[in-house]
Amino acid sequence: MPQSPPPRGFGPAGKVRVTWNFASWALKPEVKTAWEKIEEREGLDKSLNPWRDEKALLDLWGTLDAEILGPWTRTESMDKSRKLGWNGFVDTKESMRQVIGQLAELKLVPKLE
């Protein structure tokens, strides 16, 4: 990570480099145009279009960049959580579909088919 001293305890601070990122993609004029066509076709709430405010756009897609493209590891096991009593379960795909459905009801994204 870009901190000094680095976690490994020696050498210069690390650098995070990516060859592609969502934030740069979102700034492309053709992406904005495509979203506006989707907005029109699907009857979405145009007042919530993140492409109208560059800062909001970069905040949104920059967060996704940090979450998906970050060099840090992800939690791969729920074993420790279960040992501590967290035994609930939510199906990831089902949950995502439900949230996207709710966003569609609010006219923020197109409906899933």
Protein backbone atom coordinates (compact mmCIF):
# COMPACT_ATOMS: atom_id res chain seq x y z
CA MET A 1 0.00 0.00 0.00
CA PRO A 2 1.12 3.57 -0.56
CA GLN A 3 2.13 4.24 3.04
CA SER A 4 5.43 4.83 4.72
CA PRO A 5 6.84 2.74 6.21
CA PRO A 6 5.23 0.00 4.13
CA PRO A 7 3.60 -2.99 5.87
CA ARG A 8 6.46 -5.24 4.80
CA GLY A 9 8.76 -3.11 7.02
CA PHE A 10 11.38 -2.12 4.44
CA GLY A 11 11.80 -0.25 1.17
CA PRO A 12 9.79 2.64 -0.25
CA ALA A 13 6.02 2.99 -0.01
CA GLY A 14 4.17 0.74 -2.42
CA LYS A 15 2.35 1.97 -5.52
CA VAL A 16 -1.04 0.83 -6.74
CA ARG A 17 -1.27 0.76 -10.54
CA VAL A 18 -4.12 -0.31 -12.78
CA THR A 19 -4.33 -0.26 -16.56
CA TRP A 20 -8.09 0.35 -16.64
CA ASN A 21 -10.57 1.78 -14.17
CA PHE A 22 -14.29 2.49 -13.92
CA ALA A 23 -13.85 6.19 -13.09
CA SER A 24 -11.97 6.92 -16.35
CA TRP A 25 -14.49 4.84 -18.29
CA ALA A 26 -17.39 6.80 -16.77
CA LEU A 27 -15.86 10.13 -17.90
CA LYS A 28 -16.03 9.16 -21.58
CA PRO A 29 -18.63 11.19 -23.52
CA GLU A 30 -20.02 8.08 -25.23
CA VAL A 31 -20.77 6.50 -21.84
CA LYS A 32 -22.72 9.60 -20.76
CA THR A 33 -24.62 9.58 -24.06
CA ALA A 34 -25.42 5.87 -23.72
CA TRP A 35 -26.77 6.39 -20.17
CA GLU A 36 -28.95 9.29 -21.34
CA LYS A 37 -30.44 7.03 -24.06
CA ILE A 38 -31.14 4.34 -21.45
CA GLU A 39 -32.69 6.97 -19.15
CA GLU A 40 -35.01 8.11 -21.93
CA ARG A 41 -35.93 4.61 -23.13
CA GLU A 42 -36.61 3.26 -19.61
CA GLY A 43 -38.25 6.38 -18.14
CA LEU A 44 -35.67 6.71 -15.36
CA ASP A 45 -35.54 9.62 -12.90
CA LYS A 46 -33.27 12.09 -14.72
CA SER A 47 -32.73 14.23 -11.61
CA LEU A 48 -30.60 11.42 -10.15
CA ASN A 49 -28.30 11.02 -13.16
CA PRO A 50 -24.74 10.85 -11.75
CA TRP A 51 -23.33 12.05 -15.08
CA ARG A 52 -24.72 15.55 -14.38
CA ASP A 53 -22.18 16.12 -11.57
CA GLU A 54 -18.57 15.10 -12.24
CA LYS A 55 -17.69 14.91 -8.54
CA ALA A 56 -20.64 12.60 -7.81
CA LEU A 57 -19.68 10.53 -10.85
CA LEU A 58 -16.08 10.13 -9.68
CA ASP A 59 -17.21 9.37 -6.12
CA LEU A 60 -19.54 6.63 -7.38
CA TRP A 61 -17.19 4.92 -9.81
CA GLY A 62 -14.08 5.64 -7.74
CA THR A 63 -15.64 3.69 -4.87
CA LEU A 64 -16.23 0.77 -7.22
CA ASP A 65 -12.60 1.03 -8.41
CA ALA A 66 -11.36 0.89 -4.82
CA GLU A 67 -13.56 -2.09 -3.99
CA ILE A 68 -12.96 -4.19 -7.09
CA LEU A 69 -9.53 -3.13 -8.34
CA GLY A 70 -7.82 -2.70 -4.97
CA PRO A 71 -4.77 -4.87 -4.31
CA TRP A 72 -5.97 -6.03 -0.89
CA THR A 73 -7.35 -9.46 -0.16
CA ARG A 74 -10.99 -10.32 0.38
CA THR A 75 -12.59 -12.38 3.12
CA GLU A 76 -12.81 -15.86 1.70
CA SER A 77 -14.28 -17.73 4.67
CA MET A 78 -17.11 -17.21 7.12
CA ASP A 79 -15.63 -19.70 9.62
CA LYS A 80 -14.55 -17.10 12.19
CA SER A 81 -17.90 -15.29 11.95
CA ARG A 82 -19.81 -18.54 12.50
CA LYS A 83 -17.64 -19.40 15.52
CA LEU A 84 -18.67 -16.03 16.96
CA GLY A 85 -22.36 -16.81 16.44
CA TRP A 86 -23.13 -15.14 13.13
CA ASN A 87 -25.01 -17.97 11.46
CA GLY A 88 -27.43 -16.07 9.24
CA PHE A 89 -27.35 -16.58 5.49
CA VAL A 90 -28.29 -14.44 2.50
CA ASP A 91 -27.87 -15.78 -1.02
CA THR A 92 -25.61 -13.25 -2.76
CA LYS A 93 -27.15 -13.50 -6.24
CA GLU A 94 -30.70 -13.43 -4.91
CA SER A 95 -29.91 -10.45 -2.69
CA MET A 96 -28.30 -8.47 -5.52
CA ARG A 97 -31.26 -9.19 -7.79
CA GLN A 98 -33.63 -7.98 -5.04
CA VAL A 99 -31.68 -4.72 -4.52
CA ILE A 100 -31.50 -4.03 -8.27
CA GLY A 101 -35.26 -4.68 -8.43
CA GLN A 102 -35.82 -2.12 -5.67
CA LEU A 103 -33.61 0.41 -7.50
CA ALA A 104 -35.66 -0.20 -10.65
CA GLU A 105 -38.88 0.49 -8.74
CA LEU A 106 -37.37 3.85 -7.73
CA LYS A 107 -36.56 4.50 -11.43
CA LEU A 108 -32.81 4.62 -10.75
CA VAL A 109 -31.84 1.72 -13.02
CA PRO A 110 -33.62 -0.23 -15.80
CA LYS A 111 -35.76 -3.22 -14.80
CA LEU A 112 -34.16 -6.64 -14.90
CA GLU A 113 -35.68 -9.03 -17.41
